[in-house]
Amino acid sequence: MFKKVLVANRGEIALRVICACKEMGISTVAVFSEPDRYSLPVRFADHAVCIGPAASRDSYLNINSIISAAEIANVDGIHPGYGYLAESAHFAEVCEDCGIKFIGPSRSAIELMGDKARARETMRNAGLPVIPGTGVVESPKDLISKAEEIGFPVIVKATAGGGGRGMRIVESRKDLSQAVETAQAEAAGAFGSPEVYIEKYLLSPRHIEYQVLADEQGNVIHLGERECSIQRRHQKLIEESPSPAVSAALRSELGELVCRAMREVGYYSVGTIEFLFDQDGNYYFIEMNTRIQVEHPVTEMVTGVDVVKQQISIAAGEKLEIEQRDVVLNGHSLECRINAESPDDFRPSPGEITAYNPPGGPGIRVDSLAYAGNIVSPHYDSLVAKLISHGQDREEAIQRMQRALDMFVIEGIQTTIPLHRRILDHRHFQAGNISTSFLAEHMPGKTGAKA
């Protein structure tokens, strides 16, 4: 097991990793930019090292600074969290070259699954159905013919993308070239690669993903699915587990396919396999995330499995102690992502949190970086807190979330709490009738552009 781990991230995920390490008896090192000097990860880690100024490229994305901090602190492992360098094959390779264990999958697995077009083909060969689409777009002529062969509408996606960036929905041939150019420019700026591909765009699908655990000895299990259909601009707002649309039989069927695919590609670490379900119940692989997910707490709440601890143990070379038969889904869990944004048009709302009182009570968990006096910086992601509820069934989980949202006090900045209240109060959400088009269909006037 590791003796000392550096957490190459910030915010609530850095604090979450520190908590897991403390429980495992592992010393921790936080790295921080100048604006994060008084953050909770810096306060609660055993050691802390400043790695640069506010700009992420000069701090949390600065591999040289992070590796220097790791060597100074004499760590034997680096946990990347999510975002930033979590899915950087180059960073994983640098860690390996420096004799520091990257707490995640192999460099080759990150490269394979990070290229969305290659990942689609790999998963198709491993037996998972994929949405009709293309490889990397090579030429305008090829682009138009492929799109017409697939049939409009289509969606242009960055091969190295994520978080809704480098994506454009195209309704007709005349809009295709412009959409590709825009997606390529956005992808180049966000991910360093302008490569894009095209998929058939499914109207009002459900977004459902599987959490997998795989060790280096070839053992693979899944922890059930998460429903992530409540989104805006392809970014998740509310997640839950289990999905209202997945039966026990389908859960087992798809889970077996996912685990078999992971064995065939030799994957190890935690990972998430993401699917779209069309209105007829057909499912299609869309991508894999080779890291811990923002929404992992809902899986932890219904399974009792600490996913972060499992990730660390796997990276230490330990064999999974959990078998598939040990995984039981207990009750229902929801997660609301509370962002420092306007609840009506999602404009960022940085500033000082003047009052902060998180809710508690039965079935409530709060993962947060916030406190009264904390400054929400304009330089970083606007996530302030993840509010998680658990109940014996979906109805109780919703009721507890509604109560917790009403009791959550965050003053000095705007947050998305009012939007979450509106969503949870909506009869279609309560009935489980949801899709990625939920906001556009039911709240278009209050949430800006199409979700």
Protein backbone atom coordinates (compact mmCIF):
# COMPACT_ATOMS: atom_id res chain seq x y z
CA MET A 1 0.00 0.00 0.00
CA PHE A 2 1.08 3.57 -0.61
CA LYS A 3 2.81 5.53 2.13
CA LYS A 4 2.29 9.03 0.73
CA VAL A 5 -0.01 10.21 -2.07
CA LEU A 6 -0.03 13.57 -3.83
CA VAL A 7 -3.47 14.77 -4.96
CA ALA A 8 -3.03 16.52 -8.30
CA ASN A 9 -6.32 18.40 -8.22
CA ARG A 10 -8.36 20.93 -6.27
CA GLY A 11 -11.82 21.44 -4.78
CA GLU A 12 -14.18 18.80 -3.48
CA ILE A 13 -12.56 15.88 -5.31
CA ALA A 14 -9.16 16.69 -3.78
CA LEU A 15 -10.78 16.71 -0.35
CA ARG A 16 -12.60 13.45 -1.12
CA VAL A 17 -9.33 11.72 -2.02
CA ILE A 18 -7.67 13.08 1.13
CA CYS A 19 -10.51 11.62 3.23
CA ALA A 20 -10.08 8.19 1.64
CA CYS A 21 -6.31 8.28 2.17
CA LYS A 22 -6.68 9.28 5.83
CA GLU A 23 -8.96 6.30 6.45
CA MET A 24 -6.41 4.02 4.77
CA GLY A 25 -3.50 5.37 6.84
CA ILE A 26 -1.88 7.08 3.85
CA SER A 27 -0.14 10.44 4.24
CA THR A 28 -1.33 13.11 1.79
CA VAL A 29 0.16 16.04 -0.11
CA ALA A 30 -2.09 18.76 -1.54
CA VAL A 31 -0.92 20.98 -4.37
CA PHE A 32 -2.49 24.38 -4.81
CA SER A 33 -2.47 27.53 -6.91
CA GLU A 34 -2.17 30.92 -5.25
CA PRO A 35 -5.96 31.54 -5.11
CA ASP A 36 -6.45 28.16 -3.42
CA ARG A 37 -3.97 28.78 -0.60
CA TYR A 38 -6.76 28.80 2.01
CA SER A 39 -8.79 25.95 0.53
CA LEU A 40 -9.98 22.96 2.56
CA PRO A 41 -7.72 20.42 0.80
CA VAL A 42 -4.71 22.54 1.77
CA ARG A 43 -5.98 22.76 5.34
CA PHE A 44 -6.64 19.04 5.80
CA ALA A 45 -3.79 17.43 3.84
CA ASP A 46 -0.70 16.44 5.81
CA HIS A 47 1.49 18.58 3.54
CA ALA A 48 0.81 21.25 0.90
CA VAL A 49 2.91 22.67 -1.95
CA CYS A 50 2.16 25.75 -4.05
CA ILE A 51 2.56 24.94 -7.75
CA GLY A 52 1.84 28.25 -9.45
CA PRO A 53 -0.48 31.18 -10.13
CA ALA A 54 -4.21 31.15 -10.82
CA ALA A 55 -4.21 30.05 -14.45
CA SER A 56 -4.70 26.28 -14.64
CA ARG A 57 -2.10 25.93 -17.39
CA ASP A 58 0.47 27.34 -14.95
CA SER A 59 -0.63 25.26 -11.96
CA TYR A 60 -3.03 22.30 -12.08
CA LEU A 61 -2.09 21.49 -15.69
CA ASN A 62 1.62 22.16 -15.18
CA ILE A 63 3.10 18.66 -15.18
CA ASN A 64 6.63 19.86 -14.39
CA SER A 65 5.45 21.72 -11.28
CA ILE A 66 3.35 18.78 -10.07
CA ILE A 67 6.15 16.26 -10.57
CA SER A 68 8.61 18.59 -8.84
CA ALA A 69 6.25 18.82 -5.86
CA ALA A 70 5.88 15.04 -5.83
CA GLU A 71 9.63 14.52 -5.82
CA ILE A 72 10.21 17.13 -3.12
CA ALA A 73 7.54 15.50 -0.95
CA ASN A 74 8.86 12.01 -1.76
CA VAL A 75 5.48 10.52 -2.62
CA ASP A 76 4.98 7.05 -4.07
CA GLY A 77 1.61 7.73 -5.71
CA ILE A 78 -0.28 10.53 -7.47
CA HIS A 79 -4.08 10.67 -7.57
CA PRO A 80 -5.33 12.90 -10.42
CA GLY A 81 -8.99 13.22 -9.32
CA TYR A 82 -11.19 14.10 -12.30
CA GLY A 83 -10.66 16.75 -14.97
CA TYR A 84 -7.27 18.40 -15.42
CA LEU A 85 -4.70 15.60 -15.88
CA ALA A 86 -6.92 12.68 -14.89
CA GLU A 87 -7.17 11.40 -18.47
CA SER A 88 -3.76 12.53 -19.70
CA ALA A 89 -1.80 9.59 -21.06
CA HIS A 90 1.28 11.81 -21.14
CA PHE A 91 0.97 12.60 -17.42
CA ALA A 92 0.54 8.90 -16.62
CA GLU A 93 3.67 8.17 -18.65
CA VAL A 94 5.68 10.90 -16.90
CA CYS A 95 4.64 9.51 -13.50
CA GLU A 96 5.78 6.06 -14.57
CA ASP A 97 9.12 7.39 -15.86
CA CYS A 98 9.68 9.13 -12.52
CA GLY A 99 8.95 5.99 -10.52
CA ILE A 100 5.68 7.34 -9.11
CA LYS A 101 2.52 5.26 -9.39
CA PHE A 102 -0.29 6.94 -11.31
CA ILE A 103 -3.50 6.08 -9.46
CA GLY A 104 -5.53 5.21 -12.52
CA PRO A 105 -5.37 2.94 -15.55
CA SER A 106 -2.42 2.30 -17.83
CA ARG A 107 -1.17 4.92 -20.25
CA SER A 108 -2.26 2.76 -23.20
CA ALA A 109 -5.81 2.41 -21.82
CA ILE A 110 -6.10 6.18 -21.37
CA GLU A 111 -4.88 6.74 -24.93
CA LEU A 112 -7.29 4.17 -26.36
CA MET A 113 -10.40 5.34 -24.53
CA GLY A 114 -9.44 9.01 -24.74
CA ASP A 115 -9.76 8.82 -28.51
CA LYS A 116 -13.54 8.59 -28.75
CA ALA A 117 -13.49 7.31 -32.35
CA ARG A 118 -11.03 4.49 -31.54
CA ALA A 119 -12.92 3.70 -28.35
CA ARG A 120 -16.15 3.25 -30.33
CA GLU A 121 -14.49 0.75 -32.68
CA THR A 122 -12.82 -1.10 -29.80
CA MET A 123 -16.07 -1.47 -27.90
CA ARG A 124 -17.88 -2.55 -31.06
CA ASN A 125 -15.30 -5.31 -31.50
CA ALA A 126 -15.75 -6.25 -27.83
CA GLY A 127 -19.48 -6.82 -28.36
CA LEU A 128 -21.09 -3.53 -27.30
CA PRO A 129 -23.57 -1.86 -29.68
CA VAL A 130 -22.51 1.61 -30.80
CA ILE A 131 -24.41 4.50 -32.39
CA PRO A 132 -23.95 4.71 -36.18
CA GLY A 133 -21.07 7.08 -36.82
CA THR A 134 -17.72 7.72 -38.45
CA GLY A 135 -14.06 7.66 -37.65
CA VAL A 136 -12.08 10.90 -37.61
CA VAL A 137 -13.40 13.26 -40.28
CA GLU A 138 -10.74 13.56 -42.99
CA SER A 139 -12.21 15.81 -45.70
CA PRO A 140 -15.29 17.98 -46.35
CA LYS A 141 -16.38 15.70 -49.20
CA ASP A 142 -16.09 12.61 -47.03
CA LEU A 143 -17.85 14.48 -44.24
CA ILE A 144 -20.98 15.25 -46.25
CA SER A 145 -21.32 11.78 -47.74
CA LYS A 146 -20.89 10.10 -44.36
CA ALA A 147 -23.43 12.38 -42.69
CA GLU A 148 -25.99 11.72 -45.42
CA GLU A 149 -25.35 8.00 -45.13
CA ILE A 150 -26.00 8.15 -41.36
CA GLY A 151 -28.98 10.49 -41.75
CA PHE A 152 -29.65 13.86 -40.16
CA PRO A 153 -29.69 15.04 -37.42
CA VAL A 154 -26.09 14.19 -36.55
CA ILE A 155 -23.79 15.34 -33.76
CA VAL A 156 -20.19 16.44 -34.30
CA LYS A 157 -17.95 15.39 -31.38
CA ALA A 158 -14.30 15.93 -30.49
CA THR A 159 -12.33 12.68 -30.38
CA ALA A 160 -10.58 13.89 -27.21
CA GLY A 161 -13.66 15.63 -25.85
CA GLY A 162 -15.73 15.69 -22.71
CA GLY A 163 -17.98 17.95 -20.67
CA GLY A 164 -19.98 19.05 -23.70
CA ARG A 165 -17.07 20.89 -25.33
CA GLY A 166 -16.27 20.34 -29.00
CA MET A 167 -19.84 19.14 -29.69
CA ARG A 168 -22.36 20.51 -32.19
CA ILE A 169 -25.78 19.20 -33.24
CA VAL A 170 -26.42 19.52 -36.97
CA GLU A 171 -29.96 19.40 -38.36
CA SER A 172 -29.19 19.60 -42.09
CA ARG A 173 -26.46 19.41 -44.72
CA LYS A 174 -26.15 23.20 -45.11
CA ASP A 175 -25.09 23.63 -41.46
CA LEU A 176 -22.55 20.79 -41.39
CA SER A 177 -19.33 22.47 -42.52
CA GLN A 178 -19.72 25.42 -40.16
CA ALA A 179 -20.54 23.12 -37.25
CA VAL A 180 -17.44 21.03 -37.90
CA GLU A 181 -15.19 24.10 -38.11
CA THR A 182 -16.60 25.45 -34.85
CA ALA A 183 -16.27 22.09 -33.09
CA GLN A 184 -12.69 21.67 -34.34
CA ALA A 185 -11.68 25.11 -33.08
CA GLU A 186 -13.29 24.51 -29.69
CA ALA A 187 -11.73 21.04 -29.42
CA ALA A 188 -8.28 22.37 -30.31
CA GLY A 189 -8.55 25.03 -27.61
CA ALA A 190 -9.94 22.75 -24.92
CA PHE A 191 -8.10 19.48 -25.60
CA GLY A 192 -5.14 20.32 -27.82
CA SER A 193 -6.54 18.26 -30.72
CA PRO A 194 -8.91 19.48 -33.46
CA GLU A 195 -9.98 15.98 -34.51
CA VAL A 196 -13.73 15.35 -34.64
CA TYR A 197 -16.06 12.57 -35.71
CA ILE A 198 -19.78 12.30 -36.43
CA GLU A 199 -22.53 10.24 -34.80
CA LYS A 200 -26.23 9.83 -35.41
CA TYR A 201 -28.04 12.20 -33.04
CA LEU A 202 -30.69 10.44 -30.99
CA LEU A 203 -33.72 12.53 -30.11
CA SER A 204 -34.48 12.71 -26.37
CA PRO A 205 -32.37 9.72 -25.26
CA ARG A 206 -31.57 8.70 -21.70
CA HIS A 207 -27.93 8.91 -20.60
CA ILE A 208 -27.06 5.87 -18.48
CA GLU A 209 -23.60 4.78 -17.36
CA TYR A 210 -22.01 1.80 -15.63
CA GLN A 211 -19.43 1.99 -12.85
CA VAL A 212 -16.76 -0.70 -13.19
CA LEU A 213 -13.91 -1.84 -10.93
CA ALA A 214 -11.09 -3.90 -12.42
CA ASP A 215 -7.85 -5.04 -10.82
CA GLU A 216 -4.49 -5.85 -12.42
CA GLN A 217 -5.13 -9.57 -11.97
CA GLY A 218 -7.99 -9.54 -14.49
CA ASN A 219 -10.95 -9.44 -12.09
CA VAL A 220 -13.75 -7.12 -13.22
CA ILE A 221 -17.07 -6.24 -11.58
CA HIS A 222 -19.69 -3.56 -12.06
CA LEU A 223 -21.52 -1.57 -9.39
CA GLY A 224 -24.71 -1.05 -11.33
CA GLU A 225 -25.79 1.94 -13.35
CA ARG A 226 -26.31 5.65 -12.87
CA GLU A 227 -28.93 7.71 -14.67
CA CYS A 228 -27.41 11.02 -15.83
CA SER A 229 -30.12 12.28 -18.18
CA ILE A 230 -30.83 15.63 -16.50
CA GLN A 231 -28.33 17.82 -18.35
CA ARG A 232 -27.83 21.27 -19.75
CA ARG A 233 -25.51 21.86 -22.70
CA HIS A 234 -24.38 18.22 -22.44
CA GLN A 235 -23.25 18.74 -18.83
CA LYS A 236 -24.85 16.74 -16.04
CA LEU A 237 -26.97 18.42 -13.37
CA ILE A 238 -28.62 15.55 -11.49
CA GLU A 239 -27.59 11.90 -11.30
CA GLU A 240 -29.24 8.93 -9.64
CA SER A 241 -28.81 5.24 -9.02
CA PRO A 242 -30.39 2.94 -9.93
CA SER A 243 -32.00 4.17 -13.14
CA PRO A 244 -35.83 4.18 -13.25
CA ALA A 245 -35.52 2.75 -16.79
CA VAL A 246 -33.35 -0.28 -16.02
CA SER A 247 -34.85 -3.55 -14.82
CA ALA A 248 -32.92 -6.12 -12.80
CA ALA A 249 -32.68 -8.35 -15.86
CA LEU A 250 -31.35 -5.56 -18.10
CA ARG A 251 -28.93 -4.46 -15.37
CA SER A 252 -27.44 -7.94 -15.27
CA GLU A 253 -27.40 -8.33 -19.06
CA LEU A 254 -25.68 -5.04 -19.77
CA GLY A 255 -23.39 -5.40 -16.76
CA GLU A 256 -22.09 -8.71 -18.10
CA LEU A 257 -21.41 -7.13 -21.51
CA VAL A 258 -19.53 -4.25 -19.88
CA CYS A 259 -17.37 -6.51 -17.71
CA ARG A 260 -16.56 -8.80 -20.65
CA ALA A 261 -15.52 -5.80 -22.74
CA MET A 262 -13.22 -4.56 -19.96
CA ARG A 263 -11.58 -7.99 -19.69
CA GLU A 264 -11.01 -8.12 -23.44
CA VAL A 265 -9.20 -4.77 -23.50
CA GLY A 266 -7.23 -5.60 -20.33
CA TYR A 267 -8.51 -2.59 -18.43
CA TYR A 268 -7.74 -2.02 -14.75
CA SER A 269 -8.69 0.76 -12.24
CA VAL A 270 -12.11 2.37 -11.86
CA GLY A 271 -13.90 3.38 -15.01
CA THR A 272 -17.28 4.40 -16.36
CA ILE A 273 -18.91 3.07 -19.53
CA GLU A 274 -21.49 5.51 -20.89
CA PHE A 275 -24.55 4.63 -22.97
CA LEU A 276 -27.46 6.35 -24.65
CA PHE A 277 -30.86 4.62 -24.51
CA ASP A 278 -33.28 5.54 -27.29
CA GLN A 279 -37.03 5.83 -26.81
CA ASP A 280 -37.50 2.17 -27.76
CA GLY A 281 -35.11 0.97 -25.06
CA ASN A 282 -32.20 0.18 -27.38
CA TYR A 283 -28.82 1.07 -25.91
CA TYR A 284 -25.59 2.23 -27.51
CA PHE A 285 -22.07 2.73 -26.19
CA ILE A 286 -20.88 6.34 -26.56
CA GLU A 287 -17.66 6.64 -24.55
CA MET A 288 -15.62 5.52 -21.56
CA ASN A 289 -14.19 7.73 -18.82
CA THR A 290 -10.97 6.30 -17.40
CA ARG A 291 -11.19 8.10 -14.05
CA ILE A 292 -13.31 8.65 -10.99
CA GLN A 293 -16.60 10.34 -11.90
CA VAL A 294 -18.11 13.45 -10.30
CA GLU A 295 -21.24 11.39 -9.57
CA HIS A 296 -19.54 8.41 -7.89
CA PRO A 297 -21.24 9.15 -4.52
CA VAL A 298 -24.64 7.87 -5.69
CA THR A 299 -23.04 4.51 -6.44
CA GLU A 300 -21.35 4.52 -3.05
CA MET A 301 -24.65 5.27 -1.30
CA VAL A 302 -26.57 2.37 -2.87
CA THR A 303 -23.78 -0.23 -2.83
CA GLY A 304 -21.84 0.66 0.32
CA VAL A 305 -18.61 0.41 -1.72
CA ASP A 306 -16.05 3.20 -1.31
CA VAL A 307 -15.08 3.69 -4.97
CA VAL A 308 -12.10 5.96 -4.21
CA LYS A 309 -10.60 3.49 -1.75
CA GLN A 310 -11.05 0.74 -4.32
CA GLN A 311 -9.26 2.85 -6.92
CA ILE A 312 -6.31 3.40 -4.59
CA SER A 313 -6.12 -0.29 -3.61
CA ILE A 314 -6.16 -1.38 -7.26
CA ALA A 315 -3.34 1.04 -8.06
CA ALA A 316 -1.35 -0.48 -5.20
CA GLY A 317 -1.60 -3.83 -6.97
CA GLU A 318 -4.14 -5.37 -4.62
CA LYS A 319 -6.73 -7.87 -5.79
CA LEU A 320 -10.41 -6.94 -5.66
CA GLU A 321 -11.96 -8.30 -2.48
CA ILE A 322 -15.47 -7.81 -3.88
CA GLU A 323 -17.09 -10.30 -6.24
CA GLN A 324 -20.08 -9.57 -8.44
CA ARG A 325 -22.35 -11.60 -6.20
CA ASP A 326 -21.42 -9.30 -3.29
CA VAL A 327 -22.81 -6.22 -5.05
CA VAL A 328 -26.34 -5.42 -3.87
CA LEU A 329 -28.18 -2.21 -4.68
CA ASN A 330 -29.77 -0.93 -1.48
CA GLY A 331 -32.44 1.75 -1.93
CA HIS A 332 -32.05 4.78 -4.16
CA SER A 333 -29.71 7.76 -4.32
CA LEU A 334 -29.72 11.18 -6.04
CA GLU A 335 -26.99 13.77 -6.52
CA CYS A 336 -27.53 17.46 -7.31
CA ARG A 337 -24.53 19.43 -8.52
CA ILE A 338 -24.72 22.85 -6.86
CA ASN A 339 -22.88 25.37 -9.03
CA ALA A 340 -22.05 29.04 -8.50
CA GLU A 341 -24.21 30.08 -11.42
CA SER A 342 -27.46 31.84 -12.15
CA PRO A 343 -30.27 29.27 -11.93
CA ASP A 344 -31.94 30.83 -14.97
CA ASP A 345 -29.22 31.30 -17.58
CA PHE A 346 -26.15 29.63 -15.99
CA ARG A 347 -24.04 32.77 -15.93
CA PRO A 348 -21.08 32.25 -13.56
CA SER A 349 -21.42 33.86 -10.14
CA PRO A 350 -17.96 34.04 -8.56
CA GLY A 351 -17.40 35.88 -5.30
CA GLU A 352 -17.27 35.45 -1.55
CA ILE A 353 -19.59 33.03 0.22
CA THR A 354 -20.87 35.15 3.09
CA ALA A 355 -22.96 32.45 4.78
CA TYR A 356 -22.81 28.68 4.42
CA ASN A 357 -24.90 26.06 6.21
CA PRO A 358 -25.03 22.60 4.61
CA PRO A 359 -28.05 20.40 5.35
CA GLY A 360 -27.92 17.20 7.37
CA GLY A 361 -30.34 14.66 8.72
CA PRO A 362 -31.09 11.07 7.67
CA GLY A 363 -29.86 10.04 4.24
CA ILE A 364 -28.00 13.25 3.39
CA ARG A 365 -24.35 13.65 2.34
CA VAL A 366 -22.57 16.82 1.22
CA ASP A 367 -19.25 16.77 -0.68
CA SER A 368 -18.04 20.36 -0.83
CA LEU A 369 -15.10 22.73 -0.85
CA ALA A 370 -17.16 25.64 0.52
CA TYR A 371 -17.23 27.51 3.83
CA ALA A 372 -18.27 30.97 4.97
CA GLY A 373 -15.61 33.40 3.80
CA ASN A 374 -14.49 31.13 0.98
CA ILE A 375 -13.95 32.83 -2.38
CA VAL A 376 -15.43 31.10 -5.42
CA SER A 377 -12.79 31.90 -8.02
CA PRO A 378 -13.63 32.85 -11.62
CA HIS A 379 -10.58 30.88 -12.73
CA TYR A 380 -12.01 27.41 -12.10
CA ASP A 381 -15.05 25.18 -12.44
CA SER A 382 -18.11 26.64 -10.71
CA LEU A 383 -19.01 23.50 -8.70
CA VAL A 384 -19.56 24.52 -5.07
CA ALA A 385 -21.04 21.34 -3.61
CA LYS A 386 -22.50 17.96 -4.43
CA LEU A 387 -25.65 17.26 -2.46
CA ILE A 388 -26.46 13.55 -2.20
CA SER A 389 -29.58 11.92 -0.79
CA HIS A 390 -30.39 8.28 -0.05
CA GLY A 391 -33.71 6.65 0.68
CA GLN A 392 -35.27 3.22 0.81
CA ASP A 393 -36.81 3.96 -2.63
CA ARG A 394 -36.77 6.70 -5.27
CA GLU A 395 -39.72 8.54 -3.71
CA GLU A 396 -38.00 8.84 -0.34
CA ALA A 397 -34.69 9.85 -1.97
CA ILE A 398 -36.52 12.67 -3.81
CA GLN A 399 -38.30 13.77 -0.63
CA ARG A 400 -35.04 13.90 1.30
CA MET A 401 -33.35 15.83 -1.50
CA GLN A 402 -36.19 18.36 -1.59
CA ARG A 403 -35.91 18.85 2.16
CA ALA A 404 -32.11 19.19 1.96
CA LEU A 405 -32.28 21.73 -0.87
CA ASP A 406 -34.69 23.84 1.20
CA MET A 407 -32.24 23.74 4.15
CA PHE A 408 -29.07 24.44 2.15
CA VAL A 409 -27.89 28.00 2.90
CA ILE A 410 -25.34 29.55 0.52
CA GLU A 411 -25.29 33.35 0.50
CA GLY A 412 -23.16 35.96 -1.23
CA ILE A 413 -23.29 34.24 -4.61
CA GLN A 414 -25.99 32.84 -6.85
CA THR A 415 -26.36 29.07 -7.06
CA THR A 416 -28.37 26.54 -9.05
CA ILE A 417 -30.33 25.41 -5.97
CA PRO A 418 -33.60 27.02 -7.19
CA LEU A 419 -33.30 25.18 -10.50
CA HIS A 420 -32.81 21.86 -8.71
CA ARG A 421 -35.92 22.55 -6.67
CA ARG A 422 -37.94 23.17 -9.82
CA ILE A 423 -36.67 19.98 -11.45
CA LEU A 424 -37.38 17.77 -8.43
CA ASP A 425 -40.88 19.27 -8.08
CA HIS A 426 -41.74 18.52 -11.70
CA ARG A 427 -44.26 15.71 -12.18
CA HIS A 428 -42.33 14.15 -15.08
CA PHE A 429 -39.15 13.96 -13.02
CA GLN A 430 -41.02 12.45 -10.11
CA ALA A 431 -42.51 9.87 -12.46
CA GLY A 432 -39.07 9.03 -13.87
CA ASN A 433 -40.03 10.30 -17.34
CA ILE A 434 -36.73 11.99 -18.13
CA SER A 435 -34.27 12.38 -20.99
CA THR A 436 -31.38 14.60 -21.99
CA SER A 437 -34.00 16.98 -23.46
CA PHE A 438 -35.82 17.42 -20.13
CA LEU A 439 -34.85 21.07 -19.59
CA ALA A 440 -35.44 22.08 -23.19
CA GLU A 441 -38.87 20.42 -23.18
CA HIS A 442 -40.14 21.42 -19.74
CA MET A 443 -38.22 24.56 -18.68
CA PRO A 444 -36.97 26.29 -21.83
CA GLY A 445 -37.86 29.79 -20.67
CA LYS A 446 -35.94 29.47 -17.40
CA THR A 447 -32.79 27.74 -18.56
CA GLY A 448 -31.60 29.60 -21.63
CA ALA A 449 -30.75 27.67 -24.77
CA LYS A 450 -31.49 24.04 -25.49
CA ALA A 451 -29.99 21.65 -22.96
